[in-house]
C-alpha atoms as a PDB file:
ATOM      1  CA  MET A   1     -41.073  70.950  42.998  1.00  0.00           C
ATOM      2  CA  THR A   2     -40.721  67.574  41.270  1.00  0.00           C
ATOM      3  CA  GLU A   3     -38.226  65.072  42.653  1.00  0.00           C
ATOM      4  CA  THR A   4     -35.573  63.851  40.239  1.00  0.00           C
ATOM      5  CA  ALA A   5     -33.731  60.525  40.148  1.00  0.00           C
ATOM      6  CA  ASN A   6     -30.829  62.295  41.863  1.00  0.00           C
ATOM      7  CA  ASP A   7     -33.078  63.399  44.738  1.00  0.00           C
ATOM      8  CA  LEU A   8     -34.276  59.873  45.543  1.00  0.00           C
ATOM      9  CA  PRO A   9     -30.987  58.438  46.858  1.00  0.00           C
ATOM     10  CA  LEU A  10     -30.461  61.467  49.082  1.00  0.00           C
ATOM     11  CA  LYS A  11     -33.922  61.193  50.605  1.00  0.00           C
ATOM     12  CA  CYS A  12     -33.673  57.407  51.055  1.00  0.00           C
ATOM     13  CA  THR A  13     -30.141  57.516  52.510  1.00  0.00           C
ATOM     14  CA  VAL A  14     -31.177  60.072  55.128  1.00  0.00           C
ATOM     15  CA  LEU A  15     -33.972  57.745  56.238  1.00  0.00           C
ATOM     16  CA  ALA A  16     -31.655  54.710  56.281  1.00  0.00           C
ATOM     17  CA  LYS A  17     -28.964  56.534  58.270  1.00  0.00           C
ATOM     18  CA  THR A  18     -31.579  57.524  60.856  1.00  0.00           C
ATOM     19  CA  GLY A  19     -32.635  53.900  61.373  1.00  0.00           C
ATOM     20  CA  ALA A  20     -35.234  53.114  58.704  1.00  0.00           C
ATOM     21  CA  ASP A  21     -34.863  49.624  57.232  1.00  0.00           C
ATOM     22  CA  PHE A  22     -35.424  48.906  53.529  1.00  0.00           C
ATOM     23  CA  PRO A  23     -39.065  47.797  53.889  1.00  0.00           C
ATOM     24  CA  THR A  24     -39.835  51.099  55.619  1.00  0.00           C
ATOM     25  CA  VAL A  25     -38.097  53.178  52.931  1.00  0.00           C
ATOM     26  CA  TRP A  26     -39.781  51.108  50.225  1.00  0.00           C
ATOM     27  CA  GLY A  27     -43.242  51.533  51.735  1.00  0.00           C
ATOM     28  CA  ASN A  28     -42.946  55.213  52.653  1.00  0.00           C
ATOM     29  CA  VAL A  29     -40.911  56.635  49.747  1.00  0.00           C
ATOM     30  CA  LEU A  30     -40.331  54.312  46.815  1.00  0.00           C
ATOM     31  CA  LYS A  31     -43.420  52.143  46.355  1.00  0.00           C
ATOM     32  CA  GLY A  32     -45.782  54.060  44.141  1.00  0.00           C
ATOM     33  CA  HIS A  33     -43.281  56.871  43.453  1.00  0.00           C
ATOM     34  CA  ALA A  34     -43.677  58.304  39.951  1.00  0.00           C
ATOM     35  CA  LEU A  35     -40.033  57.541  39.061  1.00  0.00           C
ATOM     36  CA  VAL A  36     -40.040  53.904  40.237  1.00  0.00           C
ATOM     37  CA  ALA A  37     -40.633  51.393  37.440  1.00  0.00           C
ATOM     38  CA  GLY A  38     -41.218  48.272  39.524  1.00  0.00           C
ATOM     39  CA  PRO A  39     -40.395  46.221  42.604  1.00  0.00           C
ATOM     40  CA  PRO A  40     -36.864  45.755  43.955  1.00  0.00           C
ATOM     41  CA  ALA A  41     -34.664  42.882  42.819  1.00  0.00           C
ATOM     42  CA  GLN A  42     -31.672  41.434  44.611  1.00  0.00           C
ATOM     43  CA  ILE A  43     -28.413  41.679  42.643  1.00  0.00           C
ATOM     44  CA  LEU A  44     -24.737  41.035  43.382  1.00  0.00           C
ATOM     45  CA  ASP A  45     -22.101  43.748  43.140  1.00  0.00           C
ATOM     46  CA  ASP A  46     -18.591  43.206  41.718  1.00  0.00           C
ATOM     47  CA  GLN A  47     -17.446  41.638  44.995  1.00  0.00           C
ATOM     48  CA  MET A  48     -20.458  39.281  44.983  1.00  0.00           C
ATOM     49  CA  ARG A  49     -22.189  41.144  47.839  1.00  0.00           C
ATOM     50  CA  PRO A  50     -25.981  41.367  47.701  1.00  0.00           C
ATOM     51  CA  GLN A  51     -27.645  44.689  46.969  1.00  0.00           C
ATOM     52  CA  LEU A  52     -31.167  45.741  46.090  1.00  0.00           C
ATOM     53  CA  GLU A  53     -31.880  47.322  42.706  1.00  0.00           C
ATOM     54  CA  ILE A  54     -34.966  49.340  41.809  1.00  0.00           C
ATOM     55  CA  GLY A  55     -35.507  50.236  38.158  1.00  0.00           C
ATOM     56  CA  LEU A  56     -36.467  53.823  37.376  1.00  0.00           C
ATOM     57  CA  ILE A  57     -38.636  54.967  34.472  1.00  0.00           C
ATOM     58  CA  ASN A  58     -35.750  56.907  32.911  1.00  0.00           C
ATOM     59  CA  GLY A  59     -33.625  53.758  32.539  1.00  0.00           C
ATOM     60  CA  GLN A  60     -31.465  54.425  35.595  1.00  0.00           C
ATOM     61  CA  ARG A  61     -31.326  52.093  38.591  1.00  0.00           C
ATOM     62  CA  LEU A  62     -31.552  53.004  42.263  1.00  0.00           C
ATOM     63  CA  ILE A  63     -29.245  50.730  44.276  1.00  0.00           C
ATOM     64  CA  TYR A  64     -29.409  50.100  48.026  1.00  0.00           C
ATOM     65  CA  ASN A  65     -26.164  49.035  49.687  1.00  0.00           C
ATOM     66  CA  SER A  66     -27.261  47.665  53.055  1.00  0.00           C
ATOM     67  CA  ALA A  67     -23.699  47.374  54.407  1.00  0.00           C
ATOM     68  CA  TYR A  68     -23.323  51.176  54.256  1.00  0.00           C
ATOM     69  CA  LYS A  69     -27.035  52.059  54.488  1.00  0.00           C
ATOM     70  CA  GLU A  70     -26.683  54.111  51.302  1.00  0.00           C
ATOM     71  CA  TYR A  71     -28.687  54.516  48.130  1.00  0.00           C
ATOM     72  CA  PHE A  72     -27.184  55.616  44.821  1.00  0.00           C
ATOM     73  CA  VAL A  73     -28.185  55.870  41.163  1.00  0.00           C
ATOM     74  CA  LEU A  74     -26.481  53.941  38.363  1.00  0.00           C
ATOM     75  CA  GLY A  75     -26.793  54.415  34.650  1.00  0.00           C
ATOM     76  CA  ALA A  76     -27.273  57.420  32.438  1.00  0.00           C
ATOM     77  CA  PRO A  77     -30.799  58.785  32.113  1.00  0.00           C
ATOM     78  CA  ARG A  78     -32.578  58.352  28.812  1.00  0.00           C
END
């Protein structure tokens, strides 16, 4: 079964909630994944808090919120 962009945040969040830091999730799940378009970039959310953003090949963005150890997808797929 092929993973979708909606599967990625679930998989990554489970790892983060069980103690995996971002470099571990990046190296074990995201880096080289068929849906990932490139390396992470640091961005600021609406409250000026830093987050990590990973572009996906379908135009969506996978966001890591380190304060809550959660990943989520933004943007509509193309």
